[in-house]
Amino acid sequence: MSFTPNPAPTSSPATARCADLAEIEPNLAGAGLSIGIVMARFNKDVGEGLLSGCCH
């Protein structure tokens, strides 16, 4: 994955507060990557629904 920071626009006060943030261009090639899925035990019904969506 390459990191190319894009300058933050300074058109409004809201963006001026976030001027130190950098945007990372996505690289959607998944070759050689491993994926881990973590599920919390806080809300089992919601977690299992999300896990089911991830595995299909």
PDB file of N, CA and C in Angstrom:
ATOM      1  N   MET A   1       0.851  -1.162   0.000  1.00  0.00           N
ATOM      2  CA  MET A   1       0.000   0.000   0.000  1.00  0.00           C
ATOM      3  C   MET A   1       0.899   1.227   0.000  1.00  0.00           C
ATOM      4  N   SER A   2       0.607   2.147  -0.875  1.00  0.00           N
ATOM      5  CA  SER A   2       1.394   3.377  -0.905  1.00  0.00           C
ATOM      6  C   SER A   2       0.647   4.483  -0.173  1.00  0.00           C
ATOM      7  N   PHE A   3       1.393   5.398   0.379  1.00  0.00           N
ATOM      8  CA  PHE A   3       0.818   6.507   1.126  1.00  0.00           C
ATOM      9  C   PHE A   3       1.163   7.797   0.409  1.00  0.00           C
ATOM     10  N   THR A   4       0.136   8.465  -0.099  1.00  0.00           N
ATOM     11  CA  THR A   4       0.326   9.739  -0.759  1.00  0.00           C
ATOM     12  C   THR A   4      -0.601  10.743  -0.097  1.00  0.00           C
ATOM     13  N   PRO A   5      -0.082  11.600   0.772  1.00  0.00           N
ATOM     14  CA  PRO A   5      -0.965  12.557   1.440  1.00  0.00           C
ATOM     15  C   PRO A   5      -1.476  13.607   0.470  1.00  0.00           C
ATOM     16  N   ASN A   6      -2.740  13.914   0.598  1.00  0.00           N
ATOM     17  CA  ASN A   6      -3.353  14.979  -0.183  1.00  0.00           C
ATOM     18  C   ASN A   6      -3.527  16.181   0.721  1.00  0.00           C
ATOM     19  N   PRO A   7      -3.217  17.364   0.246  1.00  0.00           N
ATOM     20  CA  PRO A   7      -3.406  18.541   1.096  1.00  0.00           C
ATOM     21  C   PRO A   7      -4.877  18.726   1.445  1.00  0.00           C
ATOM     22  N   ALA A   8      -5.144  19.039   2.689  1.00  0.00           N
ATOM     23  CA  ALA A   8      -6.518  19.255   3.139  1.00  0.00           C
ATOM     24  C   ALA A   8      -7.008  20.609   2.641  1.00  0.00           C
ATOM     25  N   PRO A   9      -8.235  20.668   2.129  1.00  0.00           N
ATOM     26  CA  PRO A   9      -8.766  21.958   1.699  1.00  0.00           C
ATOM     27  C   PRO A   9      -8.967  22.877   2.888  1.00  0.00           C
ATOM     28  N   THR A  10      -8.772  24.141   2.692  1.00  0.00           N
ATOM     29  CA  THR A  10      -8.920  25.110   3.784  1.00  0.00           C
ATOM     30  C   THR A  10     -10.053  26.086   3.494  1.00  0.00           C
ATOM     31  N   SER A  11     -11.151  25.575   2.961  1.00  0.00           N
ATOM     32  CA  SER A  11     -12.251  26.442   2.562  1.00  0.00           C
ATOM     33  C   SER A  11     -13.200  26.795   3.706  1.00  0.00           C
ATOM     34  N   SER A  12     -13.129  26.103   4.822  1.00  0.00           N
ATOM     35  CA  SER A  12     -14.034  26.405   5.925  1.00  0.00           C
ATOM     36  C   SER A  12     -13.303  26.222   7.251  1.00  0.00           C
ATOM     37  N   PRO A  13     -13.842  26.802   8.329  1.00  0.00           N
ATOM     38  CA  PRO A  13     -13.219  26.627   9.649  1.00  0.00           C
ATOM     39  C   PRO A  13     -13.166  25.163  10.085  1.00  0.00           C
ATOM     40  N   ALA A  14     -14.146  24.360   9.659  1.00  0.00           N
ATOM     41  CA  ALA A  14     -14.154  22.946  10.045  1.00  0.00           C
ATOM     42  C   ALA A  14     -12.959  22.216   9.457  1.00  0.00           C
ATOM     43  N   THR A  15     -12.611  22.515   8.218  1.00  0.00           N
ATOM     44  CA  THR A  15     -11.461  21.850   7.614  1.00  0.00           C
ATOM     45  C   THR A  15     -10.157  22.404   8.146  1.00  0.00           C
ATOM     46  N   ALA A  16     -10.145  23.638   8.606  1.00  0.00           N
ATOM     47  CA  ALA A  16      -8.926  24.209   9.174  1.00  0.00           C
ATOM     48  C   ALA A  16      -8.541  23.468  10.453  1.00  0.00           C
ATOM     49  N   ARG A  17      -9.511  23.004  11.211  1.00  0.00           N
ATOM     50  CA  ARG A  17      -9.224  22.244  12.434  1.00  0.00           C
ATOM     51  C   ARG A  17      -8.634  20.881  12.116  1.00  0.00           C
ATOM     52  N   CYS A  18      -8.871  20.376  10.922  1.00  0.00           N
ATOM     53  CA  CYS A  18      -8.394  19.048  10.538  1.00  0.00           C
ATOM     54  C   CYS A  18      -7.276  19.145   9.505  1.00  0.00           C
ATOM     55  N   ALA A  19      -6.544  20.225   9.496  1.00  0.00           N
ATOM     56  CA  ALA A  19      -5.512  20.439   8.478  1.00  0.00           C
ATOM     57  C   ALA A  19      -4.376  19.433   8.603  1.00  0.00           C
ATOM     58  N   ASP A  20      -4.197  18.810   9.763  1.00  0.00           N
ATOM     59  CA  ASP A  20      -3.110  17.857   9.927  1.00  0.00           C
ATOM     60  C   ASP A  20      -3.484  16.437   9.500  1.00  0.00           C
ATOM     61  N   LEU A  21      -4.699  16.232   8.998  1.00  0.00           N
ATOM     62  CA  LEU A  21      -5.125  14.914   8.544  1.00  0.00           C
ATOM     63  C   LEU A  21      -4.673  14.691   7.105  1.00  0.00           C
ATOM     64  N   ALA A  22      -4.341  13.462   6.791  1.00  0.00           N
ATOM     65  CA  ALA A  22      -3.930  13.102   5.438  1.00  0.00           C
ATOM     66  C   ALA A  22      -4.901  12.070   4.884  1.00  0.00           C
ATOM     67  N   GLU A  23      -5.183  12.154   3.616  1.00  0.00           N
ATOM     68  CA  GLU A  23      -6.070  11.208   2.953  1.00  0.00           C
ATOM     69  C   GLU A  23      -5.220  10.115   2.328  1.00  0.00           C
ATOM     70  N   ILE A  24      -5.602   8.866   2.530  1.00  0.00           N
ATOM     71  CA  ILE A  24      -4.883   7.734   1.971  1.00  0.00           C
ATOM     72  C   ILE A  24      -5.679   7.203   0.794  1.00  0.00           C
ATOM     73  N   GLU A  25      -5.040   7.120  -0.359  1.00  0.00           N
ATOM     74  CA  GLU A  25      -5.700   6.574  -1.541  1.00  0.00           C
ATOM     75  C   GLU A  25      -5.868   5.063  -1.361  1.00  0.00           C
ATOM     76  N   PRO A  26      -7.059   4.528  -1.603  1.00  0.00           N
ATOM     77  CA  PRO A  26      -7.276   3.095  -1.400  1.00  0.00           C
ATOM     78  C   PRO A  26      -6.604   2.261  -2.486  1.00  0.00           C
ATOM     79  N   ASN A  27      -6.105   1.112  -2.069  1.00  0.00           N
ATOM     80  CA  ASN A  27      -5.579   0.119  -2.987  1.00  0.00           C
ATOM     81  C   ASN A  27      -6.436  -1.122  -2.760  1.00  0.00           C
ATOM     82  N   LEU A  28      -7.326  -1.430  -3.684  1.00  0.00           N
ATOM     83  CA  LEU A  28      -8.310  -2.478  -3.475  1.00  0.00           C
ATOM     84  C   LEU A  28      -7.829  -3.858  -3.897  1.00  0.00           C
ATOM     85  N   ALA A  29      -6.558  -3.990  -4.282  1.00  0.00           N
ATOM     86  CA  ALA A  29      -6.008  -5.303  -4.619  1.00  0.00           C
ATOM     87  C   ALA A  29      -5.755  -6.052  -3.318  1.00  0.00           C
ATOM     88  N   GLY A  30      -6.356  -7.203  -3.150  1.00  0.00           N
ATOM     89  CA  GLY A  30      -6.226  -7.948  -1.910  1.00  0.00           C
ATOM     90  C   GLY A  30      -5.243  -9.099  -1.975  1.00  0.00           C
ATOM     91  N   ALA A  31      -4.427  -9.151  -3.005  1.00  0.00           N
ATOM     92  CA  ALA A  31      -3.478 -10.257  -3.145  1.00  0.00           C
ATOM     93  C   ALA A  31      -2.496 -10.275  -1.982  1.00  0.00           C
ATOM     94  N   GLY A  32      -2.366 -11.429  -1.356  1.00  0.00           N
ATOM     95  CA  GLY A  32      -1.400 -11.599  -0.277  1.00  0.00           C
ATOM     96  C   GLY A  32      -1.856 -11.082   1.079  1.00  0.00           C
ATOM     97  N   LEU A  33      -3.076 -10.582   1.188  1.00  0.00           N
ATOM     98  CA  LEU A  33      -3.566 -10.059   2.463  1.00  0.00           C
ATOM     99  C   LEU A  33      -4.331 -11.129   3.230  1.00  0.00           C
ATOM    100  N   SER A  34      -4.271 -11.050   4.530  1.00  0.00           N
ATOM    101  CA  SER A  34      -5.078 -11.892   5.403  1.00  0.00           C
ATOM    102  C   SER A  34      -6.093 -10.999   6.094  1.00  0.00           C
ATOM    103  N   ILE A  35      -7.287 -11.524   6.309  1.00  0.00           N
ATOM    104  CA  ILE A  35      -8.363 -10.750   6.919  1.00  0.00           C
ATOM    105  C   ILE A  35      -8.756 -11.420   8.234  1.00  0.00           C
ATOM    106  N   GLY A  36      -8.878 -10.630   9.268  1.00  0.00           N
ATOM    107  CA  GLY A  36      -9.354 -11.130  10.553  1.00  0.00           C
ATOM    108  C   GLY A  36     -10.677 -10.478  10.897  1.00  0.00           C
ATOM    109  N   ILE A  37     -11.578 -11.243  11.464  1.00  0.00           N
ATOM    110  CA  ILE A  37     -12.879 -10.722  11.879  1.00  0.00           C
ATOM    111  C   ILE A  37     -12.952 -10.843  13.397  1.00  0.00           C
ATOM    112  N   VAL A  38     -13.236  -9.726  14.045  1.00  0.00           N
ATOM    113  CA  VAL A  38     -13.348  -9.696  15.506  1.00  0.00           C
ATOM    114  C   VAL A  38     -14.791  -9.376  15.859  1.00  0.00           C
ATOM    115  N   MET A  39     -15.363 -10.159  16.757  1.00  0.00           N
ATOM    116  CA  MET A  39     -16.746  -9.925  17.156  1.00  0.00           C
ATOM    117  C   MET A  39     -16.799  -9.760  18.671  1.00  0.00           C
ATOM    118  N   ALA A  40     -17.365  -8.665  19.122  1.00  0.00           N
ATOM    119  CA  ALA A  40     -17.514  -8.417  20.554  1.00  0.00           C
ATOM    120  C   ALA A  40     -18.673  -9.235  21.105  1.00  0.00           C
ATOM    121  N   ARG A  41     -18.647  -9.474  22.383  1.00  0.00           N
ATOM    122  CA  ARG A  41     -19.728 -10.215  23.032  1.00  0.00           C
ATOM    123  C   ARG A  41     -20.794  -9.288  23.596  1.00  0.00           C
ATOM    124  N   PHE A  42     -20.695  -7.983  23.322  1.00  0.00           N
ATOM    125  CA  PHE A  42     -21.606  -6.999  23.895  1.00  0.00           C
ATOM    126  C   PHE A  42     -23.050  -7.233  23.462  1.00  0.00           C
ATOM    127  N   ASN A  43     -23.282  -7.377  22.153  1.00  0.00           N
ATOM    128  CA  ASN A  43     -24.629  -7.574  21.627  1.00  0.00           C
ATOM    129  C   ASN A  43     -24.576  -8.751  20.658  1.00  0.00           C
ATOM    130  N   LYS A  44     -24.833  -9.935  21.177  1.00  0.00           N
ATOM    131  CA  LYS A  44     -24.659 -11.167  20.420  1.00  0.00           C
ATOM    132  C   LYS A  44     -25.524 -11.205  19.157  1.00  0.00           C
ATOM    133  N   ASP A  45     -26.764 -10.755  19.218  1.00  0.00           N
ATOM    134  CA  ASP A  45     -27.650 -10.810  18.049  1.00  0.00           C
ATOM    135  C   ASP A  45     -27.120  -9.949  16.906  1.00  0.00           C
ATOM    136  N   VAL A  46     -26.721  -8.741  17.217  1.00  0.00           N
ATOM    137  CA  VAL A  46     -26.180  -7.835  16.185  1.00  0.00           C
ATOM    138  C   VAL A  46     -24.853  -8.399  15.674  1.00  0.00           C
ATOM    139  N   GLY A  47     -23.999  -8.838  16.583  1.00  0.00           N
ATOM    140  CA  GLY A  47     -22.687  -9.369  16.191  1.00  0.00           C
ATOM    141  C   GLY A  47     -22.803 -10.572  15.277  1.00  0.00           C
ATOM    142  N   GLU A  48     -23.695 -11.481  15.566  1.00  0.00           N
ATOM    143  CA  GLU A  48     -23.857 -12.659  14.723  1.00  0.00           C
ATOM    144  C   GLU A  48     -24.434 -12.302  13.365  1.00  0.00           C
ATOM    145  N   GLY A  49     -25.298 -11.306  13.308  1.00  0.00           N
ATOM    146  CA  GLY A  49     -25.821 -10.850  12.014  1.00  0.00           C
ATOM    147  C   GLY A  49     -24.727 -10.245  11.159  1.00  0.00           C
ATOM    148  N   LEU A  50     -23.871  -9.434  11.770  1.00  0.00           N
ATOM    149  CA  LEU A  50     -22.758  -8.839  11.034  1.00  0.00           C
ATOM    150  C   LEU A  50     -21.755  -9.894  10.603  1.00  0.00           C
ATOM    151  N   LEU A  51     -21.472 -10.866  11.483  1.00  0.00           N
ATOM    152  CA  LEU A  51     -20.552 -11.949  11.144  1.00  0.00           C
ATOM    153  C   LEU A  51     -21.092 -12.762   9.985  1.00  0.00           C
ATOM    154  N   SER A  52     -22.377 -13.029   9.988  1.00  0.00           N
ATOM    155  CA  SER A  52     -22.987 -13.767   8.889  1.00  0.00           C
ATOM    156  C   SER A  52     -22.825 -13.034   7.568  1.00  0.00           C
ATOM    157  N   GLY A  53     -22.990 -11.699   7.585  1.00  0.00           N
ATOM    158  CA  GLY A  53     -22.803 -10.911   6.378  1.00  0.00           C
ATOM    159  C   GLY A  53     -21.367 -10.924   5.902  1.00  0.00           C
ATOM    160  N   CYS A  54     -20.415 -10.985   6.818  1.00  0.00           N
ATOM    161  CA  CYS A  54     -18.994 -10.997   6.440  1.00  0.00           C
ATOM    162  C   CYS A  54     -18.593 -12.312   5.798  1.00  0.00           C
ATOM    163  N   CYS A  55     -19.239 -13.386   6.187  1.00  0.00           N
ATOM    164  CA  CYS A  55     -18.827 -14.721   5.730  1.00  0.00           C
ATOM    165  C   CYS A  55     -19.549 -15.174   4.469  1.00  0.00           C
ATOM    166  N   HIS A  56     -20.429 -14.371   3.929  1.00  0.00           N
ATOM    167  CA  HIS A  56     -21.162 -14.791   2.715  1.00  0.00           C
ATOM    168  C   HIS A  56     -20.687 -14.065   1.515  1.00  0.00           C
TER     169      HIS A  56
END
